[in-house]
N, C-alpha and C. Protein backbone atom coordinates (compact mmCIF):
# COMPACT_ATOMS: atom_id res chain seq x y z
N MET A 1 -70.12 -44.71 -32.20
CA MET A 1 -70.37 -43.41 -31.58
C MET A 1 -69.14 -43.20 -30.61
N ALA A 2 -68.20 -44.44 -30.16
CA ALA A 2 -66.83 -43.95 -29.47
C ALA A 2 -66.30 -43.28 -30.11
N ASP A 3 -65.69 -43.54 -31.44
CA ASP A 3 -65.15 -42.55 -32.31
C ASP A 3 -65.25 -41.03 -32.50
N ASP A 4 -66.65 -40.87 -32.31
CA ASP A 4 -66.70 -39.39 -32.57
C ASP A 4 -66.75 -38.82 -31.46
N ASP A 5 -66.47 -39.26 -30.17
CA ASP A 5 -66.13 -38.76 -28.95
C ASP A 5 -64.58 -38.29 -29.10
N LYS A 6 -63.66 -39.02 -29.72
CA LYS A 6 -62.51 -39.04 -29.59
C LYS A 6 -62.13 -38.07 -30.81
N LYS A 7 -62.78 -37.69 -31.76
CA LYS A 7 -62.69 -36.87 -32.49
C LYS A 7 -62.29 -35.52 -32.18
N VAL A 8 -61.26 -34.60 -32.48
CA VAL A 8 -60.90 -33.19 -32.20
C VAL A 8 -61.37 -32.66 -33.41
N LEU A 9 -62.05 -31.54 -33.23
CA LEU A 9 -62.45 -30.52 -34.57
C LEU A 9 -61.35 -29.67 -34.67
N PRO A 10 -61.16 -29.55 -36.19
CA PRO A 10 -60.37 -28.61 -36.56
C PRO A 10 -59.97 -27.18 -35.79
N SER A 11 -61.10 -26.96 -35.22
CA SER A 11 -61.28 -25.53 -34.58
C SER A 11 -60.17 -25.50 -33.19
N GLU A 12 -60.43 -27.00 -32.51
CA GLU A 12 -59.64 -27.25 -31.20
C GLU A 12 -58.33 -27.22 -31.58
N ILE A 13 -57.97 -28.05 -32.79
CA ILE A 13 -56.39 -28.22 -33.33
C ILE A 13 -55.76 -26.93 -33.51
N LYS A 14 -56.40 -25.80 -34.15
CA LYS A 14 -56.01 -24.78 -34.41
C LYS A 14 -55.88 -23.81 -32.93
N TYR A 15 -56.60 -23.81 -32.42
CA TYR A 15 -56.64 -23.45 -31.03
C TYR A 15 -55.55 -23.91 -29.83
N ARG A 16 -55.25 -25.27 -30.02
CA ARG A 16 -54.23 -25.65 -29.22
C ARG A 16 -53.05 -25.31 -29.80
N THR A 17 -52.65 -25.22 -31.25
CA THR A 17 -51.74 -24.95 -31.75
C THR A 17 -51.11 -23.51 -31.42
N ASP A 18 -52.24 -22.90 -31.76
CA ASP A 18 -51.95 -21.48 -31.28
C ASP A 18 -51.42 -21.00 -30.12
N VAL A 19 -52.05 -21.83 -29.30
CA VAL A 19 -51.62 -21.83 -27.85
C VAL A 19 -50.35 -22.15 -27.48
N SER A 20 -49.82 -23.27 -28.23
CA SER A 20 -48.45 -23.84 -28.22
C SER A 20 -47.42 -22.92 -28.94
N ASN A 21 -47.79 -22.45 -29.94
CA ASN A 21 -46.91 -21.47 -30.47
C ASN A 21 -46.76 -20.33 -29.83
N MET A 22 -47.70 -19.55 -29.12
CA MET A 22 -47.73 -18.47 -28.21
C MET A 22 -46.39 -18.51 -26.90
N ARG A 23 -46.57 -19.97 -26.49
CA ARG A 23 -46.06 -20.14 -25.56
C ARG A 23 -44.50 -20.41 -25.51
N LEU A 24 -44.26 -20.88 -27.03
CA LEU A 24 -42.94 -20.95 -27.55
C LEU A 24 -42.45 -19.43 -27.77
N LEU A 25 -43.18 -18.74 -28.22
CA LEU A 25 -42.70 -17.38 -28.37
C LEU A 25 -42.21 -16.57 -26.95
N GLU A 26 -43.24 -16.98 -26.10
CA GLU A 26 -43.06 -16.43 -24.58
C GLU A 26 -41.49 -16.76 -24.25
N LEU A 27 -41.50 -18.19 -24.45
CA LEU A 27 -40.40 -18.74 -24.15
C LEU A 27 -38.95 -18.27 -24.72
N LYS A 28 -39.31 -18.23 -25.72
CA LYS A 28 -37.98 -17.55 -26.32
C LYS A 28 -37.80 -16.01 -26.15
N VAL A 29 -38.94 -15.30 -25.98
CA VAL A 29 -38.48 -14.29 -25.44
C VAL A 29 -37.67 -13.85 -24.34
N GLU A 30 -38.33 -15.02 -23.19
CA GLU A 30 -37.44 -14.91 -21.86
C GLU A 30 -36.10 -15.48 -22.07
N SER A 31 -35.96 -16.32 -22.89
CA SER A 31 -34.56 -16.79 -23.39
C SER A 31 -33.70 -15.54 -23.49
N VAL A 32 -33.99 -15.15 -24.50
CA VAL A 32 -33.42 -13.64 -24.95
C VAL A 32 -33.26 -12.85 -24.01
N ARG A 33 -33.98 -12.40 -23.15
CA ARG A 33 -34.22 -11.50 -21.92
C ARG A 33 -33.09 -12.11 -20.96
N LEU A 34 -32.93 -13.32 -20.56
CA LEU A 34 -31.93 -13.88 -19.66
C LEU A 34 -30.69 -13.76 -20.51
N ALA A 35 -30.39 -13.85 -21.62
CA ALA A 35 -29.16 -13.91 -22.51
C ALA A 35 -28.54 -12.24 -22.45
N ASN A 36 -29.66 -11.32 -22.66
CA ASN A 36 -29.14 -9.97 -22.57
C ASN A 36 -28.47 -9.51 -21.43
N GLU A 37 -29.65 -10.05 -20.26
CA GLU A 37 -29.25 -9.50 -18.73
C GLU A 37 -27.83 -10.02 -18.62
N LYS A 38 -27.70 -11.60 -19.08
CA LYS A 38 -26.19 -12.18 -18.79
C LYS A 38 -24.95 -11.25 -19.33
N ALA A 39 -25.29 -11.06 -20.73
CA ALA A 39 -24.22 -10.00 -21.49
C ALA A 39 -24.04 -8.68 -20.50
N GLN A 40 -25.18 -7.93 -20.22
CA GLN A 40 -24.92 -7.21 -19.19
C GLN A 40 -24.01 -7.13 -18.18
N LEU A 41 -24.79 -8.22 -17.47
CA LEU A 41 -23.68 -8.54 -16.29
C LEU A 41 -22.39 -8.60 -16.44
N ASP A 42 -22.13 -9.48 -17.54
CA ASP A 42 -20.41 -9.86 -18.04
C ASP A 42 -19.89 -8.15 -18.67
N LEU A 43 -20.71 -7.27 -19.22
CA LEU A 43 -20.00 -6.19 -19.33
C LEU A 43 -19.97 -5.34 -18.36
N ASP A 44 -20.63 -5.28 -17.18
CA ASP A 44 -20.73 -4.46 -16.08
C ASP A 44 -19.49 -4.93 -15.37
N ASP A 45 -19.25 -6.40 -15.29
CA ASP A 45 -18.13 -6.97 -14.37
C ASP A 45 -16.62 -6.61 -15.32
N ARG A 46 -16.67 -6.52 -16.67
CA ARG A 46 -15.58 -6.10 -17.31
C ARG A 46 -15.14 -4.82 -17.26
N THR A 47 -16.31 -3.86 -17.42
CA THR A 47 -16.12 -2.63 -17.25
C THR A 47 -15.54 -2.12 -15.44
N GLY A 48 -16.21 -2.96 -14.60
CA GLY A 48 -15.70 -2.52 -13.18
C GLY A 48 -14.29 -3.04 -12.82
N ARG A 49 -13.98 -4.11 -13.52
CA ARG A 49 -12.49 -4.47 -13.44
C ARG A 49 -11.82 -3.46 -14.04
N MET A 50 -11.82 -3.06 -15.36
CA MET A 50 -11.27 -2.13 -16.01
C MET A 50 -10.74 -0.72 -15.47
N CYS A 51 -12.15 -0.36 -14.50
CA CYS A 51 -11.94 0.93 -13.80
C CYS A 51 -11.20 0.53 -12.47
N TYR A 52 -11.04 -0.42 -11.96
CA TYR A 52 -10.54 -0.69 -10.97
C TYR A 52 -9.04 -0.81 -11.54
N ILE A 53 -8.79 -1.46 -12.39
CA ILE A 53 -7.23 -1.66 -12.99
C ILE A 53 -6.76 -0.21 -13.27
N SER A 54 -7.44 0.65 -14.19
CA SER A 54 -6.98 1.84 -14.32
C SER A 54 -6.90 2.63 -13.36
N THR A 55 -7.57 2.59 -12.17
CA THR A 55 -7.33 3.53 -10.97
C THR A 55 -6.16 3.10 -10.11
N ALA A 56 -5.62 1.85 -10.10
CA ALA A 56 -4.54 0.88 -9.56
C ALA A 56 -3.42 1.26 -10.31
N LEU A 57 -3.29 1.15 -11.65
CA LEU A 57 -2.38 1.85 -12.33
C LEU A 57 -1.75 3.27 -12.23
N LYS A 58 -2.90 3.73 -11.90
CA LYS A 58 -2.74 5.19 -11.64
C LYS A 58 -2.09 5.85 -10.49
N GLU A 59 -2.42 4.90 -9.44
CA GLU A 59 -1.86 4.68 -8.22
C GLU A 59 -0.46 4.35 -8.15
N PHE A 60 -0.24 3.08 -8.64
CA PHE A 60 1.00 2.75 -9.10
C PHE A 60 2.03 3.63 -9.71
N SER A 61 1.65 4.17 -10.73
CA SER A 61 2.32 5.39 -11.61
C SER A 61 2.63 6.69 -10.56
N ASN A 62 1.66 6.81 -9.72
CA ASN A 62 1.89 8.08 -8.62
C ASN A 62 3.00 7.62 -7.75
N VAL A 63 3.18 6.48 -7.38
CA VAL A 63 4.03 5.98 -6.51
C VAL A 63 5.51 5.53 -7.21
N LEU A 64 5.49 5.14 -8.47
CA LEU A 64 6.63 4.88 -9.37
C LEU A 64 7.29 6.13 -9.74
N ASN A 65 6.73 7.11 -10.14
CA ASN A 65 7.32 8.00 -10.77
C ASN A 65 8.40 9.17 -9.77
N PRO A 66 7.98 8.93 -8.40
CA PRO A 66 8.89 9.75 -7.68
C PRO A 66 10.18 8.77 -7.38
N PHE A 67 9.78 7.72 -7.34
CA PHE A 67 11.00 6.82 -7.16
C PHE A 67 11.88 6.49 -8.47
N VAL A 68 11.37 6.83 -9.57
CA VAL A 68 12.20 6.72 -11.05
C VAL A 68 12.97 8.21 -10.80
N GLY A 69 12.43 9.37 -10.37
CA GLY A 69 13.19 10.33 -10.11
C GLY A 69 14.08 10.26 -9.20
N GLU A 70 14.23 9.41 -8.24
CA GLU A 70 15.22 9.37 -7.13
C GLU A 70 16.31 8.68 -7.98
N ILE A 71 16.06 7.36 -8.70
CA ILE A 71 17.04 6.78 -9.54
C ILE A 71 17.71 7.81 -10.07
N LYS A 72 17.10 8.49 -10.93
CA LYS A 72 17.73 9.88 -12.06
C LYS A 72 18.65 10.43 -11.01
N GLY A 73 18.25 10.97 -10.26
CA GLY A 73 19.24 11.73 -9.45
C GLY A 73 20.82 11.18 -8.64
N LEU A 74 20.32 9.73 -8.52
CA LEU A 74 21.36 8.64 -7.78
C LEU A 74 22.94 9.52 -8.17
N PRO A 75 23.29 9.76 -9.62
CA PRO A 75 24.53 10.08 -9.93
C PRO A 75 24.97 11.44 -9.30
N ASP A 76 24.04 12.25 -9.25
CA ASP A 76 24.38 13.49 -8.49
C ASP A 76 24.64 13.46 -7.15
N ASP A 77 23.54 12.71 -6.45
CA ASP A 77 23.71 12.70 -5.21
C ASP A 77 25.21 11.70 -4.49
N LEU A 78 25.70 10.58 -5.75
CA LEU A 78 26.81 9.77 -5.38
C LEU A 78 27.89 10.98 -5.60
N GLN A 79 27.96 12.07 -6.59
CA GLN A 79 28.87 12.84 -6.85
C GLN A 79 29.08 13.82 -5.49
N THR A 80 27.82 14.14 -4.94
CA THR A 80 28.13 14.93 -3.93
C THR A 80 28.54 14.21 -2.69
N ALA A 81 28.14 13.12 -2.41
CA ALA A 81 28.47 12.17 -1.34
C ALA A 81 29.75 11.89 -1.39
N CYS A 82 30.11 11.22 -2.31
CA CYS A 82 31.34 10.56 -2.38
C CYS A 82 32.45 11.25 -3.46
N ASN A 83 32.31 12.56 -3.77
CA ASN A 83 33.42 13.05 -4.86
C ASN A 83 33.58 12.28 -5.65
N LEU A 84 32.85 11.88 -6.61
CA LEU A 84 33.32 10.91 -7.64
C LEU A 84 34.07 11.89 -8.48
N SER A 85 35.07 10.91 -9.30
CA SER A 85 35.87 11.56 -10.64
C SER A 85 34.55 11.45 -11.77
N PRO A 86 35.18 12.45 -12.73
CA PRO A 86 34.10 12.51 -13.63
C PRO A 86 34.12 10.99 -14.40
N ASP A 87 34.96 10.17 -14.58
CA ASP A 87 34.87 8.81 -14.79
C ASP A 87 33.82 7.68 -14.04
N GLN A 88 34.09 8.26 -12.99
CA GLN A 88 33.06 7.35 -12.13
C GLN A 88 31.57 7.93 -12.06
N TYR A 89 31.45 9.31 -12.16
CA TYR A 89 29.96 9.59 -12.14
C TYR A 89 29.42 9.07 -13.68
N ARG A 90 30.33 9.48 -15.00
CA ARG A 90 29.74 8.41 -16.07
C ARG A 90 29.45 7.19 -16.06
N ALA A 91 30.30 6.66 -15.12
CA ALA A 91 30.11 4.80 -14.81
C ALA A 91 28.92 4.75 -14.31
N VAL A 92 28.68 5.60 -13.13
CA VAL A 92 27.24 5.42 -12.56
C VAL A 92 26.01 5.82 -13.49
N GLN A 93 26.32 6.93 -13.97
CA GLN A 93 25.42 7.36 -14.84
C GLN A 93 24.87 6.19 -16.23
N LEU A 94 25.78 5.64 -16.36
CA LEU A 94 25.42 4.25 -17.47
C LEU A 94 24.83 3.15 -16.75
N VAL A 95 25.20 3.15 -15.63
CA VAL A 95 24.42 2.05 -15.06
C VAL A 95 22.98 2.34 -14.68
N VAL A 96 22.70 3.74 -14.25
CA VAL A 96 21.27 4.27 -14.04
C VAL A 96 20.68 3.99 -15.00
N ASN A 97 21.23 4.70 -16.29
CA ASN A 97 20.53 4.45 -17.54
C ASN A 97 20.06 3.46 -18.22
N ASP A 98 20.89 2.29 -17.67
CA ASP A 98 20.70 0.95 -18.04
C ASP A 98 19.65 0.34 -17.22
N LEU A 99 19.80 0.76 -15.84
CA LEU A 99 18.26 0.42 -15.09
C LEU A 99 17.21 0.91 -15.57
N LEU A 100 17.40 1.99 -15.75
CA LEU A 100 15.82 2.90 -16.06
C LEU A 100 15.51 2.12 -17.68
N LYS A 101 16.31 1.79 -18.37
CA LYS A 101 15.96 1.40 -19.85
C LYS A 101 15.14 0.06 -19.36
N ARG A 102 16.03 -0.73 -18.70
CA ARG A 102 15.14 -2.07 -18.05
C ARG A 102 13.78 -1.87 -17.37
N LEU A 103 13.87 -1.09 -16.73
CA LEU A 103 12.45 -0.85 -15.84
C LEU A 103 11.81 -0.47 -17.02
N SER A 104 11.75 0.53 -17.96
CA SER A 104 10.93 0.74 -19.00
C SER A 104 10.41 -0.24 -19.83
N GLY A 105 10.91 -1.60 -19.60
CA GLY A 105 10.49 -2.39 -20.64
C GLY A 105 9.89 -3.69 -19.97
N VAL A 106 9.64 -3.16 -18.49
CA VAL A 106 8.67 -4.05 -17.45
C VAL A 106 7.23 -3.70 -18.00
N ARG A 107 6.45 -5.06 -17.98
CA ARG A 107 5.09 -4.91 -18.46
C ARG A 107 4.35 -5.49 -17.23
N VAL A 108 3.40 -4.67 -17.06
CA VAL A 108 2.28 -5.09 -15.82
C VAL A 108 0.93 -5.92 -16.68
N SER A 109 0.69 -7.17 -15.89
CA SER A 109 -0.27 -7.46 -16.55
C SER A 109 -1.23 -8.02 -15.36
N LEU A 110 -2.28 -7.63 -15.40
CA LEU A 110 -3.35 -7.87 -14.36
C LEU A 110 -4.73 -8.69 -14.91
N GLU A 111 -4.42 -9.80 -14.27
CA GLU A 111 -5.39 -10.80 -14.83
C GLU A 111 -6.75 -10.44 -14.02
N SER A 112 -6.64 -10.49 -12.77
CA SER A 112 -7.75 -10.38 -12.16
C SER A 112 -7.81 -9.34 -10.98
N SER A 113 -8.99 -8.85 -10.46
CA SER A 113 -9.06 -7.71 -9.33
C SER A 113 -8.47 -8.56 -7.99
N SER A 114 -8.63 -9.56 -7.87
CA SER A 114 -7.69 -10.25 -6.74
C SER A 114 -6.42 -10.27 -6.73
N GLU A 115 -5.76 -10.72 -8.05
CA GLU A 115 -4.26 -10.35 -8.36
C GLU A 115 -3.98 -8.76 -8.03
N LEU A 116 -4.64 -7.94 -8.80
CA LEU A 116 -4.32 -6.51 -8.72
C LEU A 116 -4.38 -6.24 -7.08
N LYS A 117 -5.39 -6.69 -6.37
CA LYS A 117 -5.21 -6.32 -4.89
C LYS A 117 -4.14 -6.51 -4.42
N ALA A 118 -3.71 -8.23 -4.44
CA ALA A 118 -2.56 -8.42 -4.02
C ALA A 118 -1.42 -7.84 -4.20
N ARG A 119 -1.32 -7.51 -5.64
CA ARG A 119 0.14 -6.65 -6.00
C ARG A 119 -0.06 -5.48 -5.43
N ALA A 120 -1.22 -4.68 -5.29
CA ALA A 120 -1.28 -3.19 -4.77
C ALA A 120 -1.01 -3.46 -3.15
N SER A 121 -1.15 -4.41 -2.61
CA SER A 121 -1.22 -4.58 -1.15
C SER A 121 0.53 -4.83 -0.93
N ALA A 122 1.22 -5.59 -2.05
CA ALA A 122 2.45 -6.01 -1.85
C ALA A 122 3.00 -4.92 -1.90
N LEU A 123 2.99 -4.15 -3.17
CA LEU A 123 3.77 -2.88 -3.54
C LEU A 123 3.56 -1.63 -2.63
N SER A 124 2.58 -1.66 -1.88
CA SER A 124 2.18 -0.52 -0.54
C SER A 124 3.44 -0.85 0.25
N ALA A 125 3.23 -2.12 0.79
CA ALA A 125 4.03 -2.69 2.16
C ALA A 125 5.48 -2.45 1.64
N LYS A 126 5.84 -2.65 0.29
CA LYS A 126 7.65 -2.45 0.00
C LYS A 126 7.70 -0.84 -0.01
N ASN A 127 6.79 -0.36 -0.50
CA ASN A 127 6.89 1.26 -0.39
C ASN A 127 6.98 1.77 0.90
N SER A 128 6.23 1.37 1.73
CA SER A 128 6.41 1.87 3.01
C SER A 128 7.97 1.19 3.76
N ALA A 129 8.36 0.25 3.42
CA ALA A 129 9.58 -0.15 3.60
C ALA A 129 10.63 0.79 3.40
N VAL A 130 10.69 0.97 2.13
CA VAL A 130 11.44 1.61 1.23
C VAL A 130 11.51 2.92 1.84
N ALA A 131 10.33 3.82 1.95
CA ALA A 131 10.17 5.00 2.55
C ALA A 131 10.90 5.04 3.90
N GLU A 132 10.59 3.90 4.78
CA GLU A 132 10.99 4.04 5.95
C GLU A 132 12.45 4.18 6.10
N LYS A 133 12.96 3.00 5.25
CA LYS A 133 14.79 2.99 5.00
C LYS A 133 15.38 4.32 4.27
N ALA A 134 14.62 5.05 3.63
CA ALA A 134 14.92 6.45 3.45
C ALA A 134 15.37 7.47 4.18
N LYS A 135 14.28 7.57 5.10
CA LYS A 135 14.10 8.16 6.25
C LYS A 135 15.41 7.96 7.37
N ILE A 136 15.34 6.88 7.49
CA ILE A 136 16.85 6.33 8.61
C ILE A 136 18.04 6.88 7.94
N VAL A 137 18.30 6.74 6.50
CA VAL A 137 19.56 6.98 5.79
C VAL A 137 19.57 8.28 5.88
N LYS A 138 18.72 9.24 5.74
CA LYS A 138 19.01 10.52 5.98
C LYS A 138 19.23 11.40 6.93
N ARG A 139 18.54 10.35 8.23
CA ARG A 139 18.67 11.10 9.53
C ARG A 139 20.40 10.83 9.83
N GLU A 140 20.42 9.55 9.39
CA GLU A 140 22.07 9.21 10.11
C GLU A 140 23.22 9.95 9.10
N GLY A 141 22.70 10.22 7.77
CA GLY A 141 23.59 10.93 6.69
C GLY A 141 23.64 12.66 7.09
N GLY A 142 22.56 13.00 7.45
CA GLY A 142 22.17 14.60 7.33
C GLY A 142 22.29 14.87 8.88
């Protein structure tokens, strides 16, 4: 009779199997939900970085364009200030064109938002220093 007490009925086995299968499905659903949440967070992170990088590059462009304009005007400024001969003017123009060509080949690679912040901060400090020097030169020369 002790063996009869240990016997599990087929209906009990089916019930336990169904409960186990349902728990496995619940775990799979939770696993998929967590994977989707991680993918969404990764996407949000990349999107946020891209927006930040895009904004920083626009700001960089806003700063760089006037600088390039000043470089382009350098031969005329030197012509006026130093009475350059036509040959000297052409020589300065060639140097300026070469400089602009080299600058156009510069590629900006921003790997992370912290690197971008560091570069933006350094650029801002440098631009402030250049602007201050330009003001001093104009006051002294003008």
